[in-house]
Amino acid sequence: VDAILNQFTERCSEKKIRLCVGGRLPADCFVEPFDLCTIFYNIL
């Protein structure tokens, strides 16, 4: 999630979009990495 969020931070900065992120999500959560990538990449 950190990788995807920081990728979109740079993309949003180029388009002058203010991106605010809060909360935490540990590395050993029960969601598979592929599903995390699918969810966060597409909604962002």
All heavy atoms as atom14 arrays in JSON, in Angstrom:
{
  "sequence": "VDAILNQFTERCSEKKIRLCVGGRLPADCFVEPFDLCTIFYNIL",
  "atom14_mask": [
    [1, 1, 1, 1, 1, 1, 1, 0, 0, 0, 0, 0, 0, 0],
    [1, 1, 1, 1, 1, 1, 1, 1, 0, 0, 0, 0, 0, 0],
    [1, 1, 1, 1, 1, 0, 0, 0, 0, 0, 0, 0, 0, 0],
    [1, 1, 1, 1, 1, 1, 1, 1, 0, 0, 0, 0, 0, 0],
    [1, 1, 1, 1, 1, 1, 1, 1, 0, 0, 0, 0, 0, 0],
    [1, 1, 1, 1, 1, 1, 1, 1, 0, 0, 0, 0, 0, 0],
    [1, 1, 1, 1, 1, 1, 1, 1, 1, 0, 0, 0, 0, 0],
    [1, 1, 1, 1, 1, 1, 1, 1, 1, 1, 1, 0, 0, 0],
    [1, 1, 1, 1, 1, 1, 1, 0, 0, 0, 0, 0, 0, 0],
    [1, 1, 1, 1, 1, 1, 1, 1, 1, 0, 0, 0, 0, 0],
    [1, 1, 1, 1, 1, 1, 1, 1, 1, 1, 1, 0, 0, 0],
    [1, 1, 1, 1, 1, 1, 0, 0, 0, 0, 0, 0, 0, 0],
    [1, 1, 1, 1, 1, 1, 0, 0, 0, 0, 0, 0, 0, 0],
    [1, 1, 1, 1, 1, 1, 1, 1, 1, 0, 0, 0, 0, 0],
    [1, 1, 1, 1, 1, 1, 1, 1, 1, 0, 0, 0, 0, 0],
    [1, 1, 1, 1, 1, 1, 1, 1, 1, 0, 0, 0, 0, 0],
    [1, 1, 1, 1, 1, 1, 1, 1, 0, 0, 0, 0, 0, 0],
    [1, 1, 1, 1, 1, 1, 1, 1, 1, 1, 1, 0, 0, 0],
    [1, 1, 1, 1, 1, 1, 1, 1, 0, 0, 0, 0, 0, 0],
    [1, 1, 1, 1, 1, 1, 0, 0, 0, 0, 0, 0, 0, 0],
    [1, 1, 1, 1, 1, 1, 1, 0, 0, 0, 0, 0, 0, 0],
    [1, 1, 1, 1, 0, 0, 0, 0, 0, 0, 0, 0, 0, 0],
    [1, 1, 1, 1, 0, 0, 0, 0, 0, 0, 0, 0, 0, 0],
    [1, 1, 1, 1, 1, 1, 1, 1, 1, 1, 1, 0, 0, 0],
    [1, 1, 1, 1, 1, 1, 1, 1, 0, 0, 0, 0, 0, 0],
    [1, 1, 1, 1, 1, 1, 1, 0, 0, 0, 0, 0, 0, 0],
    [1, 1, 1, 1, 1, 0, 0, 0, 0, 0, 0, 0, 0, 0],
    [1, 1, 1, 1, 1, 1, 1, 1, 0, 0, 0, 0, 0, 0],
    [1, 1, 1, 1, 1, 1, 0, 0, 0, 0, 0, 0, 0, 0],
    [1, 1, 1, 1, 1, 1, 1, 1, 1, 1, 1, 0, 0, 0],
    [1, 1, 1, 1, 1, 1, 1, 0, 0, 0, 0, 0, 0, 0],
    [1, 1, 1, 1, 1, 1, 1, 1, 1, 0, 0, 0, 0, 0],
    [1, 1, 1, 1, 1, 1, 1, 0, 0, 0, 0, 0, 0, 0],
    [1, 1, 1, 1, 1, 1, 1, 1, 1, 1, 1, 0, 0, 0],
    [1, 1, 1, 1, 1, 1, 1, 1, 0, 0, 0, 0, 0, 0],
    [1, 1, 1, 1, 1, 1, 1, 1, 0, 0, 0, 0, 0, 0],
    [1, 1, 1, 1, 1, 1, 0, 0, 0, 0, 0, 0, 0, 0],
    [1, 1, 1, 1, 1, 1, 1, 0, 0, 0, 0, 0, 0, 0],
    [1, 1, 1, 1, 1, 1, 1, 1, 0, 0, 0, 0, 0, 0],
    [1, 1, 1, 1, 1, 1, 1, 1, 1, 1, 1, 0, 0, 0],
    [1, 1, 1, 1, 1, 1, 1, 1, 1, 1, 1, 1, 0, 0],
    [1, 1, 1, 1, 1, 1, 1, 1, 0, 0, 0, 0, 0, 0],
    [1, 1, 1, 1, 1, 1, 1, 1, 0, 0, 0, 0, 0, 0],
    [1, 1, 1, 1, 1, 1, 1, 1, 0, 0, 0, 0, 0, 0]
  ],
  "atom14_positions": [
    [[0.83, -1.2, 0.0], [0.0, 0.0, 0.0], [0.87, 1.26, 0.0], [0.55, 2.24, -0.69], [-0.95, -0.01, 1.21], [-1.81, 1.25, 1.23], [-1.85, -1.25, 1.17], [0.0, 0.0, 0.0], [0.0, 0.0, 0.0], [0.0, 0.0, 0.0], [0.0, 0.0, 0.0], [0.0, 0.0, 0.0], [0.0, 0.0, 0.0], [0.0, 0.0, 0.0]],
    [[1.97, 1.22, 0.74], [2.87, 2.38, 0.76], [3.4, 2.7, -0.63], [3.48, 3.87, -1.04], [4.04, 2.13, 1.71], [3.63, 2.16, 3.17], [2.55, 2.71, 3.46], [4.39, 1.65, 4.01], [0.0, 0.0, 0.0], [0.0, 0.0, 0.0], [0.0, 0.0, 0.0], [0.0, 0.0, 0.0], [0.0, 0.0, 0.0], [0.0, 0.0, 0.0]],
    [[3.77, 1.65, -1.37], [4.3, 1.86, -2.72], [3.26, 2.51, -3.62], [3.56, 3.45, -4.38], [4.75, 0.52, -3.32], [0.0, 0.0, 0.0], [0.0, 0.0, 0.0], [0.0, 0.0, 0.0], [0.0, 0.0, 0.0], [0.0, 0.0, 0.0], [0.0, 0.0, 0.0], [0.0, 0.0, 0.0], [0.0, 0.0, 0.0], [0.0, 0.0, 0.0]],
    [[2.02, 2.04, -3.55], [0.96, 2.58, -4.4], [0.61, 4.01, -3.98], [0.45, 4.9, -4.82], [-0.28, 1.67, -4.35], [0.06, 0.3, -4.93], [-1.45, 2.3, -5.12], [-1.03, -0.72, -4.77], [0.0, 0.0, 0.0], [0.0, 0.0, 0.0], [0.0, 0.0, 0.0], [0.0, 0.0, 0.0], [0.0, 0.0, 0.0], [0.0, 0.0, 0.0]],
    [[0.5, 4.24, -2.68], [0.16, 5.58, -2.19], [1.21, 6.61, -2.6], [0.88, 7.72, -3.03], [0.01, 5.56, -0.67], [-1.22, 4.85, -0.11], [-1.15, 4.77, 1.4], [-2.5, 5.56, -0.54], [0.0, 0.0, 0.0], [0.0, 0.0, 0.0], [0.0, 0.0, 0.0], [0.0, 0.0, 0.0], [0.0, 0.0, 0.0], [0.0, 0.0, 0.0]],
    [[2.48, 6.26, -2.49], [3.53, 7.2, -2.85], [3.63, 7.41, -4.35], [4.0, 8.49, -4.81], [4.87, 6.73, -2.28], [4.99, 7.01, -0.8], [5.28, 8.11, -0.38], [4.73, 5.99, 0.03], [0.0, 0.0, 0.0], [0.0, 0.0, 0.0], [0.0, 0.0, 0.0], [0.0, 0.0, 0.0], [0.0, 0.0, 0.0], [0.0, 0.0, 0.0]],
    [[3.28, 6.38, -5.12], [3.23, 6.57, -6.57], [2.16, 7.59, -6.94], [2.39, 8.5, -7.74], [2.93, 5.23, -7.27], [2.84, 5.38, -8.79], [2.28, 4.13, -9.46], [1.65, 3.29, -8.81], [2.5, 4.0, -10.75], [0.0, 0.0, 0.0], [0.0, 0.0, 0.0], [0.0, 0.0, 0.0], [0.0, 0.0, 0.0], [0.0, 0.0, 0.0]],
    [[0.99, 7.47, -6.31], [-0.09, 8.41, -6.61], [0.15, 9.78, -5.97], [-0.4, 10.77, -6.43], [-1.43, 7.83, -6.17], [-2.02, 6.89, -7.17], [-1.8, 5.53, -7.08], [-2.77, 7.36, -8.24], [-2.33, 4.65, -8.01], [-3.31, 6.5, -9.18], [-3.08, 5.14, -9.07], [0.0, 0.0, 0.0], [0.0, 0.0, 0.0], [0.0, 0.0, 0.0]],
    [[0.96, 9.82, -4.91], [1.32, 11.12, -4.34], [2.06, 11.96, -5.37], [1.78, 13.17, -5.54], [2.2, 10.92, -3.1], [1.46, 10.22, -2.1], [2.63, 12.27, -2.53], [0.0, 0.0, 0.0], [0.0, 0.0, 0.0], [0.0, 0.0, 0.0], [0.0, 0.0, 0.0], [0.0, 0.0, 0.0], [0.0, 0.0, 0.0], [0.0, 0.0, 0.0]],
    [[3.01, 11.35, -6.06], [3.74, 12.07, -7.1], [2.84, 12.42, -8.28], [2.92, 13.53, -8.83], [4.93, 11.23, -7.56], [5.98, 10.99, -6.48], [7.2, 10.29, -7.01], [7.28, 10.1, -8.24], [8.08, 9.93, -6.21], [0.0, 0.0, 0.0], [0.0, 0.0, 0.0], [0.0, 0.0, 0.0], [0.0, 0.0, 0.0], [0.0, 0.0, 0.0]],
    [[1.99, 11.49, -8.69], [1.09, 11.75, -9.81], [0.12, 12.88, -9.47], [-0.16, 13.74, -10.31], [0.33, 10.47, -10.18], [1.22, 9.41, -10.79], [0.53, 8.08, -10.97], [-0.7, 8.16, -11.73], [-1.32, 7.1, -12.25], [-0.8, 5.89, -12.08], [-2.43, 7.23, -12.93], [0.0, 0.0, 0.0], [0.0, 0.0, 0.0], [0.0, 0.0, 0.0]],
    [[-0.41, 12.85, -8.26], [-1.35, 13.9, -7.86], [-0.64, 15.25, -7.73], [-1.22, 16.3, -8.03], [-2.02, 13.53, -6.53], [-3.19, 12.16, -6.66], [0.0, 0.0, 0.0], [0.0, 0.0, 0.0], [0.0, 0.0, 0.0], [0.0, 0.0, 0.0], [0.0, 0.0, 0.0], [0.0, 0.0, 0.0], [0.0, 0.0, 0.0], [0.0, 0.0, 0.0]],
    [[0.61, 15.22, -7.26], [1.36, 16.47, -7.13], [1.55, 17.13, -8.49], [1.46, 18.36, -8.61], [2.72, 16.19, -6.48], [3.49, 17.37, -6.38], [0.0, 0.0, 0.0], [0.0, 0.0, 0.0], [0.0, 0.0, 0.0], [0.0, 0.0, 0.0], [0.0, 0.0, 0.0], [0.0, 0.0, 0.0], [0.0, 0.0, 0.0], [0.0, 0.0, 0.0]],
    [[1.8, 16.32, -9.52], [1.96, 16.87, -10.87], [0.67, 17.53, -11.37], [0.71, 18.5, -12.12], [2.4, 15.77, -11.83], [3.79, 15.22, -11.54], [4.11, 14.04, -12.43], [3.24, 13.64, -13.24], [5.25, 13.51, -12.32], [0.0, 0.0, 0.0], [0.0, 0.0, 0.0], [0.0, 0.0, 0.0], [0.0, 0.0, 0.0], [0.0, 0.0, 0.0]],
    [[-0.48, 16.98, -10.96], [-1.77, 17.52, -11.39], [-2.35, 18.51, -10.38], [-3.5, 18.93, -10.52], [-2.76, 16.37, -11.6], [-2.39, 15.42, -12.72], [-3.46, 14.36, -12.91], [-3.11, 13.42, -14.06], [-4.15, 12.38, -14.28], [0.0, 0.0, 0.0], [0.0, 0.0, 0.0], [0.0, 0.0, 0.0], [0.0, 0.0, 0.0], [0.0, 0.0, 0.0]],
    [[-1.54, 18.87, -9.36], [-1.97, 19.81, -8.33], [-3.22, 19.32, -7.6], [-4.16, 20.07, -7.33], [-2.2, 21.2, -8.92], [-0.95, 21.81, -9.54], [-1.2, 23.19, -10.07], [0.08, 23.79, -10.66], [-0.14, 25.14, -11.22], [0.0, 0.0, 0.0], [0.0, 0.0, 0.0], [0.0, 0.0, 0.0], [0.0, 0.0, 0.0], [0.0, 0.0, 0.0]],
    [[-3.21, 18.02, -7.3], [-4.3, 17.4, -6.53], [-3.79, 17.17, -5.12], [-2.71, 16.6, -4.92], [-4.74, 16.06, -7.15], [-5.24, 16.27, -8.58], [-5.83, 15.41, -6.31], [-5.55, 14.97, -9.32], [0.0, 0.0, 0.0], [0.0, 0.0, 0.0], [0.0, 0.0, 0.0], [0.0, 0.0, 0.0], [0.0, 0.0, 0.0], [0.0, 0.0, 0.0]],
    [[-4.54, 17.6, -4.12], [-4.15, 17.41, -2.73], [-4.59, 16.03, -2.25], [-5.78, 15.74, -2.19], [-4.77, 18.51, -1.85], [-4.15, 19.89, -2.08], [-4.94, 20.98, -1.41], [-6.23, 21.2, -2.07], [-6.38, 21.93, -3.17], [-5.34, 22.5, -3.75], [-7.58, 22.08, -3.72], [0.0, 0.0, 0.0], [0.0, 0.0, 0.0], [0.0, 0.0, 0.0]],
    [[-3.62, 15.2, -1.93], [-3.88, 13.83, -1.47], [-3.55, 13.73, 0.01], [-2.42, 13.98, 0.44], [-3.04, 12.83, -2.26], [-3.1, 11.36, -1.81], [-4.53, 10.82, -1.89], [-2.16, 10.5, -2.64], [0.0, 0.0, 0.0], [0.0, 0.0, 0.0], [0.0, 0.0, 0.0], [0.0, 0.0, 0.0], [0.0, 0.0, 0.0], [0.0, 0.0, 0.0]],
    [[-4.56, 13.37, 0.8], [-4.41, 13.24, 2.25], [-4.7, 11.79, 2.64], [-5.76, 11.24, 2.27], [-5.35, 14.19, 2.97], [-5.29, 14.05, 4.78], [0.0, 0.0, 0.0], [0.0, 0.0, 0.0], [0.0, 0.0, 0.0], [0.0, 0.0, 0.0], [0.0, 0.0, 0.0], [0.0, 0.0, 0.0], [0.0, 0.0, 0.0], [0.0, 0.0, 0.0]],
    [[-3.77, 11.16, 3.37], [-3.91, 9.76, 3.76], [-3.76, 9.65, 5.26], [-2.84, 10.24, 5.86], [-2.86, 8.87, 3.06], [-3.03, 7.42, 3.49], [-2.99, 8.99, 1.55], [0.0, 0.0, 0.0], [0.0, 0.0, 0.0], [0.0, 0.0, 0.0], [0.0, 0.0, 0.0], [0.0, 0.0, 0.0], [0.0, 0.0, 0.0], [0.0, 0.0, 0.0]],
    [[-4.65, 8.9, 5.89], [-4.58, 8.68, 7.33], [-4.87, 7.24, 7.68], [-5.57, 6.53, 6.94], [0.0, 0.0, 0.0], [0.0, 0.0, 0.0], [0.0, 0.0, 0.0], [0.0, 0.0, 0.0], [0.0, 0.0, 0.0], [0.0, 0.0, 0.0], [0.0, 0.0, 0.0], [0.0, 0.0, 0.0], [0.0, 0.0, 0.0], [0.0, 0.0, 0.0]],
    [[-4.32, 6.79, 8.81], [-4.57, 5.43, 9.27], [-3.35, 4.55, 9.14], [-2.27, 4.99, 8.73], [0.0, 0.0, 0.0], [0.0, 0.0, 0.0], [0.0, 0.0, 0.0], [0.0, 0.0, 0.0], [0.0, 0.0, 0.0], [0.0, 0.0, 0.0], [0.0, 0.0, 0.0], [0.0, 0.0, 0.0], [0.0, 0.0, 0.0], [0.0, 0.0, 0.0]],
    [[-3.52, 3.29, 9.47], [-2.41, 2.34, 9.4], [-2.93, 1.0, 8.88], [-4.11, 0.66, 9.01], [-1.77, 2.16, 10.77], [-2.66, 1.42, 11.78], [-1.99, 1.29, 13.13], [-2.79, 0.46, 14.03], [-2.64, -0.84, 14.17], [-1.72, -1.48, 13.43], [-3.4, -1.54, 15.01], [0.0, 0.0, 0.0], [0.0, 0.0, 0.0], [0.0, 0.0, 0.0]],
    [[-2.0, 0.24, 8.32], [-2.31, -1.1, 7.81], [-1.04, -1.93, 7.91], [-0.1, -1.71, 7.13], [-2.8, -1.03, 6.36], [-3.3, -2.34, 5.76], [-4.54, -2.83, 6.49], [-3.6, -2.18, 4.28], [0.0, 0.0, 0.0], [0.0, 0.0, 0.0], [0.0, 0.0, 0.0], [0.0, 0.0, 0.0], [0.0, 0.0, 0.0], [0.0, 0.0, 0.0]],
    [[-0.97, -2.86, 8.84], [0.28, -3.61, 9.04], [0.6, -4.52, 7.87], [-0.26, -4.9, 7.08], [-0.01, -4.42, 10.31], [-1.5, -4.52, 10.37], [-2.02, -3.25, 9.78], [0.0, 0.0, 0.0], [0.0, 0.0, 0.0], [0.0, 0.0, 0.0], [0.0, 0.0, 0.0], [0.0, 0.0, 0.0], [0.0, 0.0, 0.0], [0.0, 0.0, 0.0]],
    [[1.87, -4.88, 7.78], [2.32, -5.72, 6.67], [1.76, -7.13, 6.75], [1.6, -7.8, 5.73], [3.85, -5.77, 6.65], [0.0, 0.0, 0.0], [0.0, 0.0, 0.0], [0.0, 0.0, 0.0], [0.0, 0.0, 0.0], [0.0, 0.0, 0.0], [0.0, 0.0, 0.0], [0.0, 0.0, 0.0], [0.0, 0.0, 0.0], [0.0, 0.0, 0.0]],
    [[1.44, -7.61, 7.95], [0.96, -8.98, 8.12], [-0.56, -9.06, 8.21], [-1.11, -9.93, 8.89], [1.58, -9.6, 9.37], [1.24, -8.81, 10.63], [0.75, -7.68, 10.5], [1.48, -9.34, 11.74], [0.0, 0.0, 0.0], [0.0, 0.0, 0.0], [0.0, 0.0, 0.0], [0.0, 0.0, 0.0], [0.0, 0.0, 0.0], [0.0, 0.0, 0.0]],
    [[-1.27, -8.15, 7.53], [-2.74, -8.2, 7.56], [-3.23, -9.4, 6.75], [-2.48, -10.0, 5.98], [-3.34, -6.9, 7.01], [-3.1, -6.66, 5.24], [0.0, 0.0, 0.0], [0.0, 0.0, 0.0], [0.0, 0.0, 0.0], [0.0, 0.0, 0.0], [0.0, 0.0, 0.0], [0.0, 0.0, 0.0], [0.0, 0.0, 0.0], [0.0, 0.0, 0.0]],
    [[-4.5, -9.74, 6.9], [-5.04, -10.96, 6.31], [-5.36, -10.84, 4.81], [-5.75, -11.82, 4.19], [-6.32, -11.39, 7.04], [-7.38, -10.34, 7.1], [-8.26, -10.16, 6.03], [-7.52, -9.51, 8.2], [-9.25, -9.19, 6.08], [-8.51, -8.55, 8.27], [-9.37, -8.38, 7.19], [0.0, 0.0, 0.0], [0.0, 0.0, 0.0], [0.0, 0.0, 0.0]],
    [[-5.2, -9.67, 4.22], [-5.52, -9.47, 2.8], [-4.29, -9.75, 1.96], [-3.18, -9.3, 2.26], [-6.01, -8.03, 2.54], [-6.38, -7.85, 1.08], [-7.19, -7.71, 3.44], [0.0, 0.0, 0.0], [0.0, 0.0, 0.0], [0.0, 0.0, 0.0], [0.0, 0.0, 0.0], [0.0, 0.0, 0.0], [0.0, 0.0, 0.0], [0.0, 0.0, 0.0]],
    [[-4.47, -10.5, 0.86], [-3.37, -10.84, -0.03], [-2.83, -9.58, -0.72], [-3.6, -8.67, -1.03], [-3.83, -11.84, -1.09], [-4.21, -13.21, -0.54], [-2.99, -13.94, 0.02], [-1.89, -13.72, -0.5], [-3.17, -14.73, 0.96], [0.0, 0.0, 0.0], [0.0, 0.0, 0.0], [0.0, 0.0, 0.0], [0.0, 0.0, 0.0], [0.0, 0.0, 0.0]],
    [[-1.52, -9.53, -0.98], [-0.93, -8.36, -1.65], [-1.6, -8.03, -2.98], [-1.79, -6.85, -3.31], [0.53, -8.76, -1.85], [0.8, -9.75, -0.76], [-0.48, -10.5, -0.58], [0.0, 0.0, 0.0], [0.0, 0.0, 0.0], [0.0, 0.0, 0.0], [0.0, 0.0, 0.0], [0.0, 0.0, 0.0], [0.0, 0.0, 0.0], [0.0, 0.0, 0.0]],
    [[-1.98, -9.07, -3.76], [-2.61, -8.8, -5.05], [-3.92, -8.06, -4.87], [-4.23, -7.11, -5.62], [-2.85, -10.1, -5.81], [-3.58, -9.9, -7.11], [-2.89, -9.49, -8.24], [-4.95, -10.08, -7.19], [-3.56, -9.28, -9.43], [-5.61, -9.86, -8.37], [-4.91, -9.47, -9.5], [0.0, 0.0, 0.0], [0.0, 0.0, 0.0], [0.0, 0.0, 0.0]],
    [[-4.72, -8.46, -3.87], [-6.0, -7.79, -3.65], [-5.8, -6.37, -3.12], [-6.56, -5.46, -3.49], [-6.86, -8.62, -2.68], [-7.31, -9.93, -3.3], [-7.85, -9.89, -4.42], [-7.12, -10.98, -2.68], [0.0, 0.0, 0.0], [0.0, 0.0, 0.0], [0.0, 0.0, 0.0], [0.0, 0.0, 0.0], [0.0, 0.0, 0.0], [0.0, 0.0, 0.0]],
    [[-4.79, -6.17, -2.27], [-4.49, -4.81, -1.82], [-4.12, -3.92, -2.99], [-4.56, -2.77, -3.09], [-3.34, -4.84, -0.8], [-3.65, -5.39, 0.59], [-2.37, -5.47, 1.42], [-4.68, -4.51, 1.3], [0.0, 0.0, 0.0], [0.0, 0.0, 0.0], [0.0, 0.0, 0.0], [0.0, 0.0, 0.0], [0.0, 0.0, 0.0], [0.0, 0.0, 0.0]],
    [[-3.3, -4.48, -3.89], [-2.91, -3.72, -5.08], [-4.12, -3.4, -5.94], [-4.29, -2.26, -6.4], [-1.88, -4.52, -5.87], [-1.3, -3.71, -7.38], [0.0, 0.0, 0.0], [0.0, 0.0, 0.0], [0.0, 0.0, 0.0], [0.0, 0.0, 0.0], [0.0, 0.0, 0.0], [0.0, 0.0, 0.0], [0.0, 0.0, 0.0], [0.0, 0.0, 0.0]],
    [[-4.98, -4.38, -6.16], [-6.17, -4.18, -6.98], [-7.07, -3.09, -6.39], [-7.53, -2.19, -7.1], [-6.97, -5.49, -7.09], [-6.15, -6.49, -7.71], [-8.23, -5.29, -7.93], [0.0, 0.0, 0.0], [0.0, 0.0, 0.0], [0.0, 0.0, 0.0], [0.0, 0.0, 0.0], [0.0, 0.0, 0.0], [0.0, 0.0, 0.0], [0.0, 0.0, 0.0]],
    [[-7.3, -3.15, -5.09], [-8.22, -2.21, -4.44], [-7.65, -0.79, -4.45], [-8.29, 0.14, -4.94], [-8.52, -2.67, -3.01], [-9.35, -3.96, -3.03], [-9.26, -1.58, -2.23], [-9.52, -4.61, -1.68], [0.0, 0.0, 0.0], [0.0, 0.0, 0.0], [0.0, 0.0, 0.0], [0.0, 0.0, 0.0], [0.0, 0.0, 0.0], [0.0, 0.0, 0.0]],
    [[-6.44, -0.63, -3.92], [-5.89, 0.72, -3.77], [-5.53, 1.34, -5.12], [-5.75, 2.54, -5.34], [-4.67, 0.71, -2.85], [-5.03, 0.7, -1.4], [-5.16, -0.5, -0.71], [-5.27, 1.88, -0.72], [-5.51, -0.51, 0.62], [-5.61, 1.89, 0.61], [-5.74, 0.68, 1.29], [0.0, 0.0, 0.0], [0.0, 0.0, 0.0], [0.0, 0.0, 0.0]],
    [[-5.0, 0.55, -6.03], [-4.61, 1.11, -7.33], [-5.84, 1.62, -8.08], [-5.84, 2.73, -8.63], [-3.88, 0.07, -8.18], [-3.42, 0.62, -9.51], [-2.2, 1.27, -9.64], [-4.21, 0.49, -10.65], [-1.78, 1.79, -10.85], [-3.8, 1.0, -11.87], [-2.58, 1.65, -11.96], [-2.17, 2.18, -13.16], [0.0, 0.0, 0.0], [0.0, 0.0, 0.0]],
    [[-6.91, 0.83, -8.09], [-8.08, 1.21, -8.88], [-8.86, 2.36, -8.25], [-9.31, 3.26, -8.96], [-9.0, -0.01, -9.07], [-8.48, -0.94, -10.14], [-8.4, -0.59, -11.31], [-8.11, -2.15, -9.75], [0.0, 0.0, 0.0], [0.0, 0.0, 0.0], [0.0, 0.0, 0.0], [0.0, 0.0, 0.0], [0.0, 0.0, 0.0], [0.0, 0.0, 0.0]],
    [[-9.02, 2.37, -6.94], [-9.79, 3.47, -6.33], [-9.01, 4.79, -6.43], [-9.6, 5.85, -6.64], [-10.19, 3.17, -4.88], [-8.97, 3.04, -3.97], [-11.05, 1.92, -4.8], [-9.34, 2.86, -2.5], [0.0, 0.0, 0.0], [0.0, 0.0, 0.0], [0.0, 0.0, 0.0], [0.0, 0.0, 0.0], [0.0, 0.0, 0.0], [0.0, 0.0, 0.0]],
    [[-7.68, 4.72, -6.31], [-6.88, 5.94, -6.43], [-6.8, 6.41, -7.87], [-6.8, 7.61, -8.14], [-5.48, 5.7, -5.87], [-5.38, 5.63, -4.34], [-4.0, 5.18, -3.91], [-5.73, 6.97, -3.71], [0.0, 0.0, 0.0], [0.0, 0.0, 0.0], [0.0, 0.0, 0.0], [0.0, 0.0, 0.0], [0.0, 0.0, 0.0], [0.0, 0.0, 0.0]]
  ]
}
